[in-house]
Amino acid sequence: MSEIRKQIFTLLSLAMLLITGCSSQPKTVVCIGDSLTACGGNDGRYSDWLGKYLPEHKIINKGINGDTLAGGKARFQRDVLDLNPNVVIIGLGANDFWRKKRTIEELQTDLTDMVKRAKEENVEVVIISCFVSRDYKQKENIEFDSSKFDFAEAIGHMQYQVSKKYSCCYVPNMQIDIKPNGTAPYWDDRNHPNKLGNELVAKRILPELKKAIKRAGGK
């Protein structure tokens, strides 16, 4: 009888080790986005900083200059799902704001499509945005067509609503900590952070990414 107990104990111990091992496995995180994901230079993108803060996990950058929500949707299978990620960071919408060619409903359809496809594959989602309600209007030294401000706010609101509906992690106004805005030492130009600026962006994203990794069974 003692031998049977010993075997049961051994099997239970092995099972616990397997469970613990699975939960602590390194996770793969894919960052799909536009120039705000691609910018920063060698070793200076926000994804590079996230990799430094989370060295146990694999962070893949799939940022493309000029990309839009429609573009992200079109390449989502190839650049995200085919890489078998545990977490995807979606950072798109800035170029849709600049172009102002599509309705909020169309943009929401694209973002929702990506989120739903990720969730169907058990991939956790972090939606990051450079917009948030009226705060976007308060950025210094930026001259925009005033008619676009409401559109920026609408994009930010849409992103938040999608994140809430599908239980995504959410980071609004991801550049808010980079001050002063659009000038040295944190910016390559008026719209794109450099390596120093992207460190602040990464720190803004990090808590929500950690939350998503934990949801995916990581640490």
C-alpha atoms as a PDB file:
ATOM      1  CA  MET A   1       0.000   0.000   0.000  1.00  0.00           C
ATOM      2  CA  SER A   2       2.872   2.367   0.802  1.00  0.00           C
ATOM      3  CA  GLU A   3       4.353   1.671  -2.654  1.00  0.00           C
ATOM      4  CA  ILE A   4       1.056   2.697  -4.294  1.00  0.00           C
ATOM      5  CA  ARG A   5       1.016   5.910  -2.256  1.00  0.00           C
ATOM      6  CA  LYS A   6       4.575   6.604  -3.321  1.00  0.00           C
ATOM      7  CA  GLN A   7       3.664   6.167  -6.994  1.00  0.00           C
ATOM      8  CA  ILE A   8       0.627   8.421  -6.628  1.00  0.00           C
ATOM      9  CA  PHE A   9       2.747  11.064  -4.912  1.00  0.00           C
ATOM     10  CA  THR A  10       5.318  10.861  -7.713  1.00  0.00           C
ATOM     11  CA  LEU A  11       2.652  11.230 -10.397  1.00  0.00           C
ATOM     12  CA  LEU A  12       1.085  14.190  -8.601  1.00  0.00           C
ATOM     13  CA  SER A  13       4.491  15.848  -8.228  1.00  0.00           C
ATOM     14  CA  LEU A  14       5.207  15.406 -11.936  1.00  0.00           C
ATOM     15  CA  ALA A  15       1.809  16.837 -12.788  1.00  0.00           C
ATOM     16  CA  MET A  16       2.462  19.897 -10.615  1.00  0.00           C
ATOM     17  CA  LEU A  17       5.849  20.394 -12.263  1.00  0.00           C
ATOM     18  CA  LEU A  18       4.253  20.246 -15.695  1.00  0.00           C
ATOM     19  CA  ILE A  19       1.577  22.746 -14.715  1.00  0.00           C
ATOM     20  CA  THR A  20       4.123  25.105 -13.186  1.00  0.00           C
ATOM     21  CA  GLY A  21       6.412  24.739 -16.172  1.00  0.00           C
ATOM     22  CA  CYS A  22       3.631  25.591 -18.628  1.00  0.00           C
ATOM     23  CA  SER A  23       2.598  28.696 -16.723  1.00  0.00           C
ATOM     24  CA  SER A  24       6.144  30.038 -16.618  1.00  0.00           C
ATOM     25  CA  GLN A  25       6.974  29.383 -20.271  1.00  0.00           C
ATOM     26  CA  PRO A  26       8.270  32.435 -22.166  1.00  0.00           C
ATOM     27  CA  LYS A  27       5.521  34.165 -24.117  1.00  0.00           C
ATOM     28  CA  THR A  28       5.569  35.626 -27.612  1.00  0.00           C
ATOM     29  CA  VAL A  29       4.304  39.190 -28.004  1.00  0.00           C
ATOM     30  CA  VAL A  30       3.705  40.710 -31.452  1.00  0.00           C
ATOM     31  CA  CYS A  31       3.469  44.491 -31.821  1.00  0.00           C
ATOM     32  CA  ILE A  32       1.507  45.404 -34.958  1.00  0.00           C
ATOM     33  CA  GLY A  33       1.343  49.082 -35.767  1.00  0.00           C
ATOM     34  CA  ASP A  34       2.367  52.050 -37.887  1.00  0.00           C
ATOM     35  CA  SER A  35       5.401  54.354 -37.714  1.00  0.00           C
ATOM     36  CA  LEU A  36       4.848  54.863 -33.987  1.00  0.00           C
ATOM     37  CA  THR A  37       5.650  51.170 -33.594  1.00  0.00           C
ATOM     38  CA  ALA A  38       8.447  51.205 -36.196  1.00  0.00           C
ATOM     39  CA  CYS A  39      10.196  54.438 -35.125  1.00  0.00           C
ATOM     40  CA  GLY A  40      13.119  54.846 -32.740  1.00  0.00           C
ATOM     41  CA  GLY A  41      15.990  53.417 -34.715  1.00  0.00           C
ATOM     42  CA  ASN A  42      18.132  50.406 -33.987  1.00  0.00           C
ATOM     43  CA  ASP A  43      17.365  49.112 -30.488  1.00  0.00           C
ATOM     44  CA  GLY A  44      15.201  52.169 -29.836  1.00  0.00           C
ATOM     45  CA  ARG A  45      11.646  51.146 -30.659  1.00  0.00           C
ATOM     46  CA  TYR A  46       9.164  50.802 -27.805  1.00  0.00           C
ATOM     47  CA  SER A  47       9.169  47.065 -28.491  1.00  0.00           C
ATOM     48  CA  ASP A  48      12.936  46.996 -27.932  1.00  0.00           C
ATOM     49  CA  TRP A  49      12.472  48.655 -24.551  1.00  0.00           C
ATOM     50  CA  LEU A  50       9.723  46.180 -23.666  1.00  0.00           C
ATOM     51  CA  GLY A  51      12.152  43.397 -24.520  1.00  0.00           C
ATOM     52  CA  LYS A  52      14.682  44.866 -22.089  1.00  0.00           C
ATOM     53  CA  TYR A  53      12.101  45.068 -19.309  1.00  0.00           C
ATOM     54  CA  LEU A  54      10.770  41.575 -20.049  1.00  0.00           C
ATOM     55  CA  PRO A  55      13.843  39.607 -21.219  1.00  0.00           C
ATOM     56  CA  GLU A  56      12.202  36.268 -20.540  1.00  0.00           C
ATOM     57  CA  HIS A  57       9.625  36.912 -23.275  1.00  0.00           C
ATOM     58  CA  LYS A  58       9.961  37.267 -27.060  1.00  0.00           C
ATOM     59  CA  ILE A  59       8.858  40.664 -28.398  1.00  0.00           C
ATOM     60  CA  ILE A  60       8.365  40.902 -32.182  1.00  0.00           C
ATOM     61  CA  ASN A  61       7.976  44.260 -33.950  1.00  0.00           C
ATOM     62  CA  LYS A  62       5.666  44.402 -36.966  1.00  0.00           C
ATOM     63  CA  GLY A  63       5.388  48.157 -37.369  1.00  0.00           C
ATOM     64  CA  ILE A  64       5.078  49.572 -40.893  1.00  0.00           C
ATOM     65  CA  ASN A  65       5.365  53.283 -41.669  1.00  0.00           C
ATOM     66  CA  GLY A  66       2.088  54.751 -42.866  1.00  0.00           C
ATOM     67  CA  ASP A  67      -0.042  51.752 -41.928  1.00  0.00           C
ATOM     68  CA  THR A  68      -3.729  52.052 -41.079  1.00  0.00           C
ATOM     69  CA  LEU A  69      -6.347  49.936 -39.374  1.00  0.00           C
ATOM     70  CA  ALA A  70      -7.335  48.540 -42.772  1.00  0.00           C
ATOM     71  CA  GLY A  71      -3.700  47.686 -43.478  1.00  0.00           C
ATOM     72  CA  GLY A  72      -3.334  45.961 -40.144  1.00  0.00           C
ATOM     73  CA  LYS A  73      -6.461  43.949 -40.780  1.00  0.00           C
ATOM     74  CA  ALA A  74      -5.171  42.884 -44.215  1.00  0.00           C
ATOM     75  CA  ARG A  75      -1.850  41.583 -42.835  1.00  0.00           C
ATOM     76  CA  PHE A  76      -3.080  40.347 -39.467  1.00  0.00           C
ATOM     77  CA  GLN A  77      -2.919  36.674 -40.381  1.00  0.00           C
ATOM     78  CA  ARG A  78       0.586  36.832 -41.850  1.00  0.00           C
ATOM     79  CA  ASP A  79       2.201  39.276 -39.435  1.00  0.00           C
ATOM     80  CA  VAL A  80       0.456  38.231 -36.236  1.00  0.00           C
ATOM     81  CA  LEU A  81      -1.484  34.981 -36.117  1.00  0.00           C
ATOM     82  CA  ASP A  82       0.979  32.975 -38.210  1.00  0.00           C
ATOM     83  CA  LEU A  83       3.640  33.764 -35.582  1.00  0.00           C
ATOM     84  CA  ASN A  84       1.600  31.961 -32.902  1.00  0.00           C
ATOM     85  CA  PRO A  85       1.728  34.778 -30.344  1.00  0.00           C
ATOM     86  CA  ASN A  86       0.366  34.696 -26.830  1.00  0.00           C
ATOM     87  CA  VAL A  87      -0.226  38.446 -26.831  1.00  0.00           C
ATOM     88  CA  VAL A  88      -0.702  41.028 -29.583  1.00  0.00           C
ATOM     89  CA  ILE A  89      -0.269  44.771 -29.120  1.00  0.00           C
ATOM     90  CA  ILE A  90      -2.360  46.691 -31.667  1.00  0.00           C
ATOM     91  CA  GLY A  91      -1.170  50.262 -32.222  1.00  0.00           C
ATOM     92  CA  LEU A  92      -3.028  51.605 -35.255  1.00  0.00           C
ATOM     93  CA  GLY A  93      -5.265  54.592 -35.974  1.00  0.00           C
ATOM     94  CA  ALA A  94      -2.889  57.553 -36.145  1.00  0.00           C
ATOM     95  CA  ASN A  95      -2.724  57.556 -39.944  1.00  0.00           C
ATOM     96  CA  ASP A  96      -6.471  57.122 -40.158  1.00  0.00           C
ATOM     97  CA  PHE A  97      -6.674  60.346 -38.164  1.00  0.00           C
ATOM     98  CA  TRP A  98      -4.310  62.204 -40.476  1.00  0.00           C
ATOM     99  CA  ARG A  99      -6.043  61.016 -43.628  1.00  0.00           C
ATOM    100  CA  LYS A 100      -9.600  61.326 -42.369  1.00  0.00           C
ATOM    101  CA  LYS A 101     -10.918  59.291 -45.283  1.00  0.00           C
ATOM    102  CA  ARG A 102     -12.952  56.641 -43.475  1.00  0.00           C
ATOM    103  CA  THR A 103     -15.767  56.726 -40.974  1.00  0.00           C
ATOM    104  CA  ILE A 104     -15.432  55.758 -37.333  1.00  0.00           C
ATOM    105  CA  GLU A 105     -17.764  52.833 -38.036  1.00  0.00           C
ATOM    106  CA  GLU A 106     -15.408  51.535 -40.728  1.00  0.00           C
ATOM    107  CA  LEU A 107     -12.396  51.903 -38.451  1.00  0.00           C
ATOM    108  CA  GLN A 108     -14.238  50.116 -35.660  1.00  0.00           C
ATOM    109  CA  THR A 109     -15.038  47.232 -38.003  1.00  0.00           C
ATOM    110  CA  ASP A 110     -11.341  46.806 -38.808  1.00  0.00           C
ATOM    111  CA  LEU A 111     -10.196  46.930 -35.194  1.00  0.00           C
ATOM    112  CA  THR A 112     -12.984  44.605 -34.064  1.00  0.00           C
ATOM    113  CA  ASP A 113     -12.053  42.111 -36.773  1.00  0.00           C
ATOM    114  CA  MET A 114      -8.449  41.935 -35.540  1.00  0.00           C
ATOM    115  CA  VAL A 115      -9.474  41.647 -31.902  1.00  0.00           C
ATOM    116  CA  LYS A 116     -12.016  38.903 -32.547  1.00  0.00           C
ATOM    117  CA  ARG A 117      -9.592  36.886 -34.673  1.00  0.00           C
ATOM    118  CA  ALA A 118      -6.980  37.133 -31.936  1.00  0.00           C
ATOM    119  CA  LYS A 119      -9.430  36.091 -29.243  1.00  0.00           C
ATOM    120  CA  GLU A 120     -10.565  33.128 -31.329  1.00  0.00           C
ATOM    121  CA  GLU A 121      -6.950  31.928 -31.263  1.00  0.00           C
ATOM    122  CA  ASN A 122      -6.690  32.511 -27.479  1.00  0.00           C
ATOM    123  CA  VAL A 123      -4.357  35.463 -28.030  1.00  0.00           C
ATOM    124  CA  GLU A 124      -4.564  38.225 -25.427  1.00  0.00           C
ATOM    125  CA  VAL A 125      -4.909  41.756 -26.833  1.00  0.00           C
ATOM    126  CA  VAL A 126      -3.476  45.096 -25.755  1.00  0.00           C
ATOM    127  CA  ILE A 127      -4.874  48.105 -27.641  1.00  0.00           C
ATOM    128  CA  ILE A 128      -2.568  51.122 -27.493  1.00  0.00           C
ATOM    129  CA  SER A 129      -3.585  54.572 -28.691  1.00  0.00           C
ATOM    130  CA  CYS A 130      -2.087  58.030 -29.088  1.00  0.00           C
ATOM    131  CA  PHE A 131      -5.590  59.444 -28.576  1.00  0.00           C
ATOM    132  CA  VAL A 132      -7.806  59.898 -25.578  1.00  0.00           C
ATOM    133  CA  SER A 133     -10.891  62.049 -25.309  1.00  0.00           C
ATOM    134  CA  ARG A 134     -10.274  65.827 -25.015  1.00  0.00           C
ATOM    135  CA  ASP A 135      -6.748  65.402 -23.696  1.00  0.00           C
ATOM    136  CA  TYR A 136      -5.453  65.095 -27.223  1.00  0.00           C
ATOM    137  CA  LYS A 137      -6.381  68.732 -27.885  1.00  0.00           C
ATOM    138  CA  GLN A 138      -4.132  69.893 -25.064  1.00  0.00           C
ATOM    139  CA  LYS A 139      -0.854  68.739 -26.625  1.00  0.00           C
ATOM    140  CA  GLU A 140       1.510  71.631 -27.037  1.00  0.00           C
ATOM    141  CA  ASN A 141       2.961  73.109 -30.212  1.00  0.00           C
ATOM    142  CA  ILE A 142       0.852  71.116 -32.658  1.00  0.00           C
ATOM    143  CA  GLU A 143      -1.148  72.896 -35.337  1.00  0.00           C
ATOM    144  CA  PHE A 144      -3.932  70.751 -36.734  1.00  0.00           C
ATOM    145  CA  ASP A 145      -7.005  71.493 -38.764  1.00  0.00           C
ATOM    146  CA  SER A 146      -9.396  72.079 -35.873  1.00  0.00           C
ATOM    147  CA  SER A 147     -12.077  70.026 -37.619  1.00  0.00           C
ATOM    148  CA  LYS A 148      -9.890  66.952 -37.042  1.00  0.00           C
ATOM    149  CA  PHE A 149      -9.794  67.198 -33.274  1.00  0.00           C
ATOM    150  CA  ASP A 150     -13.253  65.722 -32.858  1.00  0.00           C
ATOM    151  CA  PHE A 151     -12.212  62.887 -35.175  1.00  0.00           C
ATOM    152  CA  ALA A 152      -9.192  62.155 -32.975  1.00  0.00           C
ATOM    153  CA  GLU A 153     -11.412  62.036 -29.927  1.00  0.00           C
ATOM    154  CA  ALA A 154     -13.854  59.754 -31.740  1.00  0.00           C
ATOM    155  CA  ILE A 155     -11.053  57.328 -32.648  1.00  0.00           C
ATOM    156  CA  GLY A 156      -9.876  57.267 -29.038  1.00  0.00           C
ATOM    157  CA  HIS A 157     -13.407  56.659 -27.810  1.00  0.00           C
ATOM    158  CA  MET A 158     -13.901  53.873 -30.353  1.00  0.00           C
ATOM    159  CA  GLN A 159     -10.689  52.130 -29.325  1.00  0.00           C
ATOM    160  CA  TYR A 160     -11.711  52.257 -25.690  1.00  0.00           C
ATOM    161  CA  GLN A 161     -15.177  50.870 -26.434  1.00  0.00           C
ATOM    162  CA  VAL A 162     -13.730  47.961 -28.418  1.00  0.00           C
ATOM    163  CA  SER A 163     -11.237  47.189 -25.656  1.00  0.00           C
ATOM    164  CA  LYS A 164     -14.010  47.204 -23.072  1.00  0.00           C
ATOM    165  CA  LYS A 165     -16.392  45.066 -25.127  1.00  0.00           C
ATOM    166  CA  TYR A 166     -13.797  42.358 -25.787  1.00  0.00           C
ATOM    167  CA  SER A 167     -11.948  42.535 -22.444  1.00  0.00           C
ATOM    168  CA  CYS A 168      -8.698  43.811 -23.953  1.00  0.00           C
ATOM    169  CA  CYS A 169      -5.997  45.583 -22.035  1.00  0.00           C
ATOM    170  CA  TYR A 170      -5.951  49.254 -23.013  1.00  0.00           C
ATOM    171  CA  VAL A 171      -3.384  52.069 -23.067  1.00  0.00           C
ATOM    172  CA  PRO A 172      -4.692  55.529 -23.992  1.00  0.00           C
ATOM    173  CA  ASN A 173      -2.495  58.500 -24.852  1.00  0.00           C
ATOM    174  CA  MET A 174       0.635  56.367 -24.912  1.00  0.00           C
ATOM    175  CA  GLN A 175       2.892  59.379 -25.545  1.00  0.00           C
ATOM    176  CA  ILE A 176       1.576  61.475 -22.658  1.00  0.00           C
ATOM    177  CA  ASP A 177       4.770  61.128 -20.607  1.00  0.00           C
ATOM    178  CA  ILE A 178       7.019  62.519 -23.363  1.00  0.00           C
ATOM    179  CA  LYS A 179       7.447  66.188 -22.470  1.00  0.00           C
ATOM    180  CA  PRO A 180       8.001  68.641 -23.992  1.00  0.00           C
ATOM    181  CA  ASN A 181       6.077  67.395 -26.994  1.00  0.00           C
ATOM    182  CA  GLY A 182       7.699  67.242 -30.419  1.00  0.00           C
ATOM    183  CA  THR A 183      11.103  68.573 -29.397  1.00  0.00           C
ATOM    184  CA  ALA A 184      14.519  67.368 -28.258  1.00  0.00           C
ATOM    185  CA  PRO A 185      15.663  65.277 -26.528  1.00  0.00           C
ATOM    186  CA  TYR A 186      12.791  62.834 -26.965  1.00  0.00           C
ATOM    187  CA  TRP A 187      11.678  63.211 -30.577  1.00  0.00           C
ATOM    188  CA  ASP A 188      13.139  62.508 -34.032  1.00  0.00           C
ATOM    189  CA  ASP A 189      10.555  64.930 -35.444  1.00  0.00           C
ATOM    190  CA  ARG A 190       7.277  66.488 -34.316  1.00  0.00           C
ATOM    191  CA  ASN A 191       5.403  63.208 -34.561  1.00  0.00           C
ATOM    192  CA  HIS A 192       7.831  60.349 -33.878  1.00  0.00           C
ATOM    193  CA  PRO A 193       9.637  59.630 -30.598  1.00  0.00           C
ATOM    194  CA  ASN A 194      13.296  58.683 -30.694  1.00  0.00           C
ATOM    195  CA  LYS A 195      14.945  56.050 -28.507  1.00  0.00           C
ATOM    196  CA  LEU A 196      14.640  58.162 -25.347  1.00  0.00           C
ATOM    197  CA  GLY A 197      11.021  58.977 -26.056  1.00  0.00           C
ATOM    198  CA  ASN A 198      10.134  55.387 -26.770  1.00  0.00           C
ATOM    199  CA  GLU A 199      11.456  54.351 -23.377  1.00  0.00           C
ATOM    200  CA  LEU A 200       8.678  56.461 -21.865  1.00  0.00           C
ATOM    201  CA  VAL A 201       6.146  54.946 -24.265  1.00  0.00           C
ATOM    202  CA  ALA A 202       7.278  51.454 -23.252  1.00  0.00           C
ATOM    203  CA  LYS A 203       6.938  52.294 -19.565  1.00  0.00           C
ATOM    204  CA  ARG A 204       3.382  53.494 -20.237  1.00  0.00           C
ATOM    205  CA  ILE A 205       2.548  50.215 -22.030  1.00  0.00           C
ATOM    206  CA  LEU A 206       4.371  47.888 -19.632  1.00  0.00           C
ATOM    207  CA  PRO A 207       1.743  47.494 -16.865  1.00  0.00           C
ATOM    208  CA  GLU A 208      -0.986  46.550 -19.329  1.00  0.00           C
ATOM    209  CA  LEU A 209       1.337  44.197 -21.192  1.00  0.00           C
ATOM    210  CA  LYS A 210       2.248  42.466 -17.938  1.00  0.00           C
ATOM    211  CA  LYS A 211      -1.450  42.076 -17.233  1.00  0.00           C
ATOM    212  CA  ALA A 212      -2.012  40.516 -20.660  1.00  0.00           C
ATOM    213  CA  ILE A 213       0.953  38.155 -20.247  1.00  0.00           C
ATOM    214  CA  LYS A 214      -0.423  37.039 -16.893  1.00  0.00           C
ATOM    215  CA  ARG A 215      -3.788  36.382 -18.505  1.00  0.00           C
ATOM    216  CA  ALA A 216      -1.966  34.271 -21.096  1.00  0.00           C
ATOM    217  CA  GLY A 217      -0.509  32.141 -18.315  1.00  0.00           C
ATOM    218  CA  GLY A 218       2.844  33.850 -17.992  1.00  0.00           C
ATOM    219  CA  LYS A 219       4.581  35.845 -15.291  1.00  0.00           C
END
